[in-house]
PDB file of N, CA and C in Angstrom:
ATOM      1  N   MET A   1       0.847  -1.182   0.000  1.00  0.00           N
ATOM      2  CA  MET A   1       0.000   0.000   0.000  1.00  0.00           C
ATOM      3  C   MET A   1       0.888   1.239   0.000  1.00  0.00           C
ATOM      4  N   ASN A   2       0.623   2.164  -0.933  1.00  0.00           N
ATOM      5  CA  ASN A   2       1.435   3.360  -1.070  1.00  0.00           C
ATOM      6  C   ASN A   2       0.859   4.486  -0.224  1.00  0.00           C
ATOM      7  N   LYS A   3       1.698   5.114   0.587  1.00  0.00           N
ATOM      8  CA  LYS A   3       1.263   6.178   1.488  1.00  0.00           C
ATOM      9  C   LYS A   3       1.569   7.572   0.954  1.00  0.00           C
ATOM     10  N   GLU A   4       2.068   7.665  -0.287  1.00  0.00           N
ATOM     11  CA  GLU A   4       2.375   8.975  -0.857  1.00  0.00           C
ATOM     12  C   GLU A   4       1.089   9.783  -1.003  1.00  0.00           C
ATOM     13  N   ILE A   5       1.149  11.045  -0.562  1.00  0.00           N
ATOM     14  CA  ILE A   5      -0.003  11.941  -0.647  1.00  0.00           C
ATOM     15  C   ILE A   5       0.459  13.279  -1.209  1.00  0.00           C
ATOM     16  N   CYS A   6      -0.322  13.825  -2.121  1.00  0.00           N
ATOM     17  CA  CYS A   6      -0.001  15.118  -2.724  1.00  0.00           C
ATOM     18  C   CYS A   6      -0.027  16.202  -1.651  1.00  0.00           C
ATOM     19  N   GLN A   7       1.017  17.007  -1.631  1.00  0.00           N
ATOM     20  CA  GLN A   7       1.127  18.069  -0.629  1.00  0.00           C
ATOM     21  C   GLN A   7       0.141  19.212  -0.885  1.00  0.00           C
ATOM     22  N   LYS A   8      -0.325  19.348  -2.122  1.00  0.00           N
ATOM     23  CA  LYS A   8      -1.235  20.445  -2.450  1.00  0.00           C
ATOM     24  C   LYS A   8      -2.708  20.079  -2.231  1.00  0.00           C
ATOM     25  N   CYS A   9      -3.139  18.957  -2.795  1.00  0.00           N
ATOM     26  CA  CYS A   9      -4.570  18.609  -2.750  1.00  0.00           C
ATOM     27  C   CYS A   9      -4.892  17.439  -1.830  1.00  0.00           C
ATOM     28  N   HIS A  10      -3.848  16.790  -1.313  1.00  0.00           N
ATOM     29  CA  HIS A  10      -3.987  15.680  -0.362  1.00  0.00           C
ATOM     30  C   HIS A  10      -4.613  14.417  -0.956  1.00  0.00           C
ATOM     31  N   THR A  11      -4.511  14.267  -2.268  1.00  0.00           N
ATOM     32  CA  THR A  11      -4.952  13.037  -2.916  1.00  0.00           C
ATOM     33  C   THR A  11      -3.842  12.007  -2.778  1.00  0.00           C
ATOM     34  N   SER A  12      -4.202  10.783  -2.437  1.00  0.00           N
ATOM     35  CA  SER A  12      -3.189   9.737  -2.269  1.00  0.00           C
ATOM     36  C   SER A  12      -2.902   9.054  -3.601  1.00  0.00           C
ATOM     37  N   VAL A  13      -1.703   8.512  -3.710  1.00  0.00           N
ATOM     38  CA  VAL A  13      -1.330   7.760  -4.915  1.00  0.00           C
ATOM     39  C   VAL A  13      -2.270   6.572  -5.066  1.00  0.00           C
ATOM     40  N   GLU A  14      -2.604   5.949  -3.973  1.00  0.00           N
ATOM     41  CA  GLU A  14      -3.517   4.808  -4.009  1.00  0.00           C
ATOM     42  C   GLU A  14      -4.860   5.207  -4.644  1.00  0.00           C
ATOM     43  N   GLU A  15      -5.371   6.365  -4.257  1.00  0.00           N
ATOM     44  CA  GLU A  15      -6.629   6.867  -4.819  1.00  0.00           C
ATOM     45  C   GLU A  15      -6.490   7.155  -6.314  1.00  0.00           C
ATOM     46  N   ILE A  16      -5.376   7.748  -6.715  1.00  0.00           N
ATOM     47  CA  ILE A  16      -5.135   8.054  -8.126  1.00  0.00           C
ATOM     48  C   ILE A  16      -5.080   6.775  -8.946  1.00  0.00           C
ATOM     49  N   LEU A  17      -4.349   5.777  -8.472  1.00  0.00           N
ATOM     50  CA  LEU A  17      -4.221   4.518  -9.206  1.00  0.00           C
ATOM     51  C   LEU A  17      -5.541   3.758  -9.247  1.00  0.00           C
ATOM     52  N   GLU A  18      -6.347   3.892  -8.207  1.00  0.00           N
ATOM     53  CA  GLU A  18      -7.638   3.207  -8.151  1.00  0.00           C
ATOM     54  C   GLU A  18      -8.660   3.847  -9.081  1.00  0.00           C
ATOM     55  N   THR A  19      -8.707   5.185  -9.106  1.00  0.00           N
ATOM     56  CA  THR A  19      -9.734   5.886  -9.879  1.00  0.00           C
ATOM     57  C   THR A  19      -9.275   6.313 -11.266  1.00  0.00           C
ATOM     58  N   GLY A  20      -7.963   6.521 -11.426  1.00  0.00           N
ATOM     59  CA  GLY A  20      -7.442   7.029 -12.689  1.00  0.00           C
ATOM     60  C   GLY A  20      -7.488   8.541 -12.792  1.00  0.00           C
ATOM     61  N   TYR A  21      -7.903   9.197 -11.714  1.00  0.00           N
ATOM     62  CA  TYR A  21      -7.997  10.654 -11.703  1.00  0.00           C
ATOM     63  C   TYR A  21      -7.007  11.253 -10.717  1.00  0.00           C
ATOM     64  N   VAL A  22      -6.281  12.283 -11.175  1.00  0.00           N
ATOM     65  CA  VAL A  22      -5.381  13.015 -10.282  1.00  0.00           C
ATOM     66  C   VAL A  22      -6.152  14.170  -9.669  1.00  0.00           C
ATOM     67  N   GLY A  23      -5.669  14.649  -8.524  1.00  0.00           N
ATOM     68  CA  GLY A  23      -6.358  15.733  -7.843  1.00  0.00           C
ATOM     69  C   GLY A  23      -5.961  17.109  -8.349  1.00  0.00           C
ATOM     70  N   CYS A  24      -4.702  17.255  -8.757  1.00  0.00           N
ATOM     71  CA  CYS A  24      -4.214  18.557  -9.231  1.00  0.00           C
ATOM     72  C   CYS A  24      -2.918  18.354 -10.016  1.00  0.00           C
ATOM     73  N   GLU A  25      -2.368  19.436 -10.508  1.00  0.00           N
ATOM     74  CA  GLU A  25      -1.139  19.347 -11.309  1.00  0.00           C
ATOM     75  C   GLU A  25       0.053  18.863 -10.497  1.00  0.00           C
ATOM     76  N   LYS A  26       0.064  19.111  -9.191  1.00  0.00           N
ATOM     77  CA  LYS A  26       1.173  18.692  -8.336  1.00  0.00           C
ATOM     78  C   LYS A  26       1.218  17.171  -8.146  1.00  0.00           C
ATOM     79  N   CYS A  27       0.090  16.513  -8.344  1.00  0.00           N
ATOM     80  CA  CYS A  27       0.050  15.045  -8.215  1.00  0.00           C
ATOM     81  C   CYS A  27       1.042  14.386  -9.165  1.00  0.00           C
ATOM     82  N   TYR A  28       1.264  15.013 -10.325  1.00  0.00           N
ATOM     83  CA  TYR A  28       2.174  14.455 -11.322  1.00  0.00           C
ATOM     84  C   TYR A  28       3.633  14.521 -10.888  1.00  0.00           C
ATOM     85  N   GLU A  29       3.923  15.176  -9.772  1.00  0.00           N
ATOM     86  CA  GLU A  29       5.294  15.264  -9.270  1.00  0.00           C
ATOM     87  C   GLU A  29       5.636  14.132  -8.302  1.00  0.00           C
ATOM     88  N   MET A  30       4.636  13.339  -7.897  1.00  0.00           N
ATOM     89  CA  MET A  30       4.889  12.218  -6.981  1.00  0.00           C
ATOM     90  C   MET A  30       5.525  11.069  -7.761  1.00  0.00           C
ATOM     91  N   LEU A  31       6.548  10.482  -7.193  1.00  0.00           N
ATOM     92  CA  LEU A  31       7.319   9.440  -7.866  1.00  0.00           C
ATOM     93  C   LEU A  31       6.448   8.282  -8.351  1.00  0.00           C
ATOM     94  N   SER A  32       5.529   7.826  -7.541  1.00  0.00           N
ATOM     95  CA  SER A  32       4.683   6.698  -7.944  1.00  0.00           C
ATOM     96  C   SER A  32       3.785   7.045  -9.121  1.00  0.00           C
ATOM     97  N   VAL A  33       3.333   8.290  -9.184  1.00  0.00           N
ATOM     98  CA  VAL A  33       2.494   8.725 -10.307  1.00  0.00           C
ATOM     99  C   VAL A  33       3.346   8.839 -11.561  1.00  0.00           C
ATOM    100  N   ILE A  34       4.538   9.376 -11.427  1.00  0.00           N
ATOM    101  CA  ILE A  34       5.459   9.474 -12.560  1.00  0.00           C
ATOM    102  C   ILE A  34       5.725   8.085 -13.134  1.00  0.00           C
ATOM    103  N   LYS A  35       5.996   7.125 -12.265  1.00  0.00           N
ATOM    104  CA  LYS A  35       6.270   5.757 -12.717  1.00  0.00           C
ATOM    105  C   LYS A  35       5.048   5.140 -13.394  1.00  0.00           C
ATOM    106  N   ALA A  36       3.854   5.369 -12.823  1.00  0.00           N
ATOM    107  CA  ALA A  36       2.633   4.797 -13.385  1.00  0.00           C
ATOM    108  C   ALA A  36       2.342   5.383 -14.766  1.00  0.00           C
ATOM    109  N   VAL A  37       2.492   6.696 -14.912  1.00  0.00           N
ATOM    110  CA  VAL A  37       2.247   7.352 -16.201  1.00  0.00           C
ATOM    111  C   VAL A  37       3.261   6.858 -17.228  1.00  0.00           C
ATOM    112  N   ASP A  38       4.513   6.737 -16.821  1.00  0.00           N
ATOM    113  CA  ASP A  38       5.543   6.242 -17.733  1.00  0.00           C
ATOM    114  C   ASP A  38       5.230   4.810 -18.176  1.00  0.00           C
ATOM    115  N   LYS A  39       4.771   4.003 -17.245  1.00  0.00           N
ATOM    116  CA  LYS A  39       4.430   2.616 -17.568  1.00  0.00           C
ATOM    117  C   LYS A  39       3.231   2.555 -18.526  1.00  0.00           C
ATOM    118  N   MET A  40       2.235   3.406 -18.297  1.00  0.00           N
ATOM    119  CA  MET A  40       1.038   3.416 -19.144  1.00  0.00           C
ATOM    120  C   MET A  40       1.346   3.883 -20.557  1.00  0.00           C
ATOM    121  N   TYR A  41       2.193   4.905 -20.666  1.00  0.00           N
ATOM    122  CA  TYR A  41       2.436   5.516 -21.966  1.00  0.00           C
ATOM    123  C   TYR A  41       3.803   5.200 -22.545  1.00  0.00           C
ATOM    124  N   GLY A  42       4.569   4.385 -21.862  1.00  0.00           N
ATOM    125  CA  GLY A  42       5.844   3.927 -22.396  1.00  0.00           C
ATOM    126  C   GLY A  42       6.852   5.023 -22.610  1.00  0.00           C
ATOM    127  N   GLY A  43       6.749   6.113 -21.866  1.00  0.00           N
ATOM    128  CA  GLY A  43       7.699   7.196 -21.985  1.00  0.00           C
ATOM    129  C   GLY A  43       7.553   8.018 -23.250  1.00  0.00           C
ATOM    130  N   LYS A  44       6.469   7.777 -23.996  1.00  0.00           N
ATOM    131  CA  LYS A  44       6.244   8.519 -25.229  1.00  0.00           C
ATOM    132  C   LYS A  44       5.829   9.950 -24.893  1.00  0.00           C
ATOM    133  N   ARG A  45       6.261  10.855 -25.738  1.00  0.00           N
ATOM    134  CA  ARG A  45       5.914  12.263 -25.553  1.00  0.00           C
ATOM    135  C   ARG A  45       4.783  12.646 -26.495  1.00  0.00           C
ATOM    136  N   HIS A  46       3.988  13.590 -26.057  1.00  0.00           N
ATOM    137  CA  HIS A  46       2.920  14.111 -26.906  1.00  0.00           C
ATOM    138  C   HIS A  46       3.536  14.900 -28.045  1.00  0.00           C
ATOM    139  N   LYS A  47       3.070  14.665 -29.224  1.00  0.00           N
ATOM    140  CA  LYS A  47       3.598  15.394 -30.391  1.00  0.00           C
ATOM    141  C   LYS A  47       2.472  16.208 -30.999  1.00  0.00           C
ATOM    142  N   GLN A  48       2.814  17.437 -31.333  1.00  0.00           N
ATOM    143  CA  GLN A  48       1.812  18.338 -31.916  1.00  0.00           C
ATOM    144  C   GLN A  48       1.788  18.239 -33.406  1.00  0.00           C
TER     145      GLN A  48
END
């Protein structure tokens, strides 16, 4: 169980991974969220 919690909105990594929704832009700075997003998208960057 991951205890990481966003310092801005107080959303937990566990909640983000369970629902698929982040609480705010700062959530993307948590290591577990970074790893999960990288795993989902394979490190690919958005191209315009």
